[in-house]
């Protein structure tokens, strides 16, 4: 079975970037020891191409089946993957990466996102569930 990696791209609530990154790291470490999980990382966008503070939560699993087995265990908890309000079915907000929001924020405008994940610390922008089909690791 191919390895699976899930990526969740978030923007922290303004003024809460450090707290949001700490929350992501702590939440990631709480997954230690769960069957099928291979760990993950918290990445910070560093080229200034996206909205301020953009971070990526990367989760790694033995397989898609292992990932699917984990979701029911966390879906009703406060976490960065599911909305804090479990009745919330609003879509990801990734359009803000491409609609001029970044320029508006740089000019002093507000970051008009809904911070609905991770106890209100994060706005989920995009997410990808992907199976590894080819990989190269340097020797």
Protein backbone atom coordinates (compact mmCIF):
# COMPACT_ATOMS: atom_id res chain seq x y z
CA UNK A 1 0.00 0.00 0.00
CA UNK A 2 1.31 3.43 -0.86
CA UNK A 3 2.26 5.95 1.78
CA UNK A 4 -0.25 8.76 2.31
CA UNK A 5 0.41 12.39 3.11
CA UNK A 6 -2.25 14.91 4.08
CA UNK A 7 -1.59 18.64 3.88
CA UNK A 8 -3.72 21.25 5.62
CA UNK A 9 -2.92 24.87 4.76
CA UNK A 10 -3.97 27.39 7.40
CA UNK A 11 -3.71 31.09 8.16
CA UNK A 12 -3.57 32.03 11.85
CA UNK A 13 -5.81 34.67 13.33
CA UNK A 14 -3.94 38.02 13.24
CA UNK A 15 -1.82 38.44 16.35
CA UNK A 16 -2.10 34.72 17.19
CA UNK A 17 0.55 33.28 14.87
CA UNK A 18 2.90 31.98 17.55
CA UNK A 19 0.02 30.52 19.56
CA UNK A 20 -1.42 28.87 16.43
CA UNK A 21 1.92 27.27 15.49
CA UNK A 22 2.34 25.98 19.05
CA UNK A 23 -1.20 24.56 18.93
CA UNK A 24 -0.43 22.75 15.67
CA UNK A 25 2.78 21.26 17.10
CA UNK A 26 1.14 20.17 20.33
CA UNK A 27 -1.79 18.62 18.45
CA UNK A 28 0.57 16.80 16.12
CA UNK A 29 2.44 15.29 19.08
CA UNK A 30 -0.84 14.11 20.63
CA UNK A 31 -1.19 11.76 17.64
CA UNK A 32 1.94 9.85 18.66
CA UNK A 33 1.35 6.17 19.08
CA UNK A 34 -1.88 5.99 17.09
CA UNK A 35 -1.83 3.00 14.71
CA UNK A 36 -0.92 3.78 11.12
CA UNK A 37 0.40 7.26 11.84
CA UNK A 38 3.96 8.08 10.84
CA UNK A 39 4.18 11.60 12.25
CA UNK A 40 4.21 14.88 10.42
CA UNK A 41 5.41 18.44 10.57
CA UNK A 42 4.35 22.05 10.81
CA UNK A 43 5.74 24.16 7.99
CA UNK A 44 5.82 27.94 7.74
CA UNK A 45 5.51 29.64 4.36
CA UNK A 46 8.76 31.55 3.98
CA UNK A 47 8.74 33.28 0.59
CA UNK A 48 6.05 35.86 1.36
CA UNK A 49 3.90 34.67 -1.54
CA UNK A 50 0.83 33.82 0.51
CA UNK A 51 -1.13 35.50 3.28
CA UNK A 52 0.83 36.54 6.39
CA UNK A 53 1.67 33.65 8.70
CA UNK A 54 0.50 30.87 6.36
CA UNK A 55 1.37 27.47 7.81
CA UNK A 56 1.03 23.91 6.57
CA UNK A 57 0.23 20.91 8.74
CA UNK A 58 1.65 17.77 7.11
CA UNK A 59 0.47 14.39 8.34
CA UNK A 60 1.96 11.11 7.19
CA UNK A 61 0.30 7.69 7.28
CA UNK A 62 1.18 4.12 6.38
CA UNK A 63 -1.73 4.07 3.90
CA UNK A 64 -5.03 5.66 2.96
CA UNK A 65 -6.76 3.02 5.06
CA UNK A 66 -4.70 4.04 8.10
CA UNK A 67 -5.61 7.70 7.53
CA UNK A 68 -9.30 6.89 7.19
CA UNK A 69 -9.16 4.88 10.43
CA UNK A 70 -7.81 7.91 12.29
CA UNK A 71 -10.44 10.49 11.28
CA UNK A 72 -13.31 9.07 13.38
CA UNK A 73 -11.04 9.25 16.45
CA UNK A 74 -10.43 12.99 16.07
CA UNK A 75 -13.45 14.40 14.24
CA UNK A 76 -15.30 15.36 17.45
CA UNK A 77 -12.30 16.97 19.15
CA UNK A 78 -10.96 20.52 18.92
CA UNK A 79 -8.35 20.23 16.20
CA UNK A 80 -7.02 22.00 13.10
CA UNK A 81 -8.56 19.47 10.70
CA UNK A 82 -12.27 19.77 11.56
CA UNK A 83 -14.28 22.90 12.39
CA UNK A 84 -14.64 23.80 16.05
CA UNK A 85 -18.41 23.95 15.46
CA UNK A 86 -19.14 20.47 14.10
CA UNK A 87 -22.28 21.81 12.35
CA UNK A 88 -20.07 24.10 10.21
CA UNK A 89 -19.98 22.86 6.62
CA UNK A 90 -18.38 25.96 5.10
CA UNK A 91 -15.77 25.32 2.41
CA UNK A 92 -12.05 25.96 2.65
CA UNK A 93 -11.11 29.61 2.11
CA UNK A 94 -8.20 29.20 -0.30
CA UNK A 95 -9.70 31.64 -2.79
CA UNK A 96 -8.30 34.39 -0.56
CA UNK A 97 -4.81 33.43 -1.75
CA UNK A 98 -5.73 34.50 -5.27
CA UNK A 99 -8.36 37.23 -5.03
CA UNK A 100 -6.27 40.22 -3.96
CA UNK A 101 -6.67 39.65 -0.20
CA UNK A 102 -2.88 39.63 0.29
CA UNK A 103 -2.51 43.04 -1.37
CA UNK A 104 -5.43 44.45 0.63
CA UNK A 105 -3.90 43.24 3.91
CA UNK A 106 -0.52 44.72 2.98
CA UNK A 107 -2.28 48.04 2.40
CA UNK A 108 -3.81 47.93 5.91
CA UNK A 109 -7.05 46.12 5.12
CA UNK A 110 -8.54 43.42 7.29
CA UNK A 111 -8.02 39.71 6.82
CA UNK A 112 -11.62 38.72 6.17
CA UNK A 113 -11.32 35.03 6.99
CA UNK A 114 -13.32 32.76 9.31
CA UNK A 115 -11.06 31.37 12.04
CA UNK A 116 -12.98 28.17 12.67
CA UNK A 117 -10.28 25.59 13.42
CA UNK A 118 -7.98 24.83 16.34
CA UNK A 119 -10.11 26.60 18.96
CA UNK A 120 -10.55 29.67 16.77
CA UNK A 121 -6.85 30.12 16.05
CA UNK A 122 -6.85 29.05 12.40
CA UNK A 123 -8.61 29.58 9.11
CA UNK A 124 -8.34 26.46 6.96
CA UNK A 125 -7.49 27.55 3.45
CA UNK A 126 -6.90 24.32 1.52
CA UNK A 127 -6.37 20.66 2.20
CA UNK A 128 -5.04 17.77 0.14
CA UNK A 129 -5.16 14.04 0.81
CA UNK A 130 -2.53 12.37 -1.37
CA UNK A 131 -1.04 8.91 -1.86
CA UNK A 132 2.60 8.77 -2.80
CA UNK A 133 2.93 7.50 -6.37
CA UNK A 134 6.60 8.36 -6.89
CA UNK A 135 9.28 9.58 -4.55
CA UNK A 136 12.97 10.37 -4.75
CA UNK A 137 15.17 10.73 -1.67
CA UNK A 138 18.78 11.74 -2.10
CA UNK A 139 21.41 9.30 -0.94
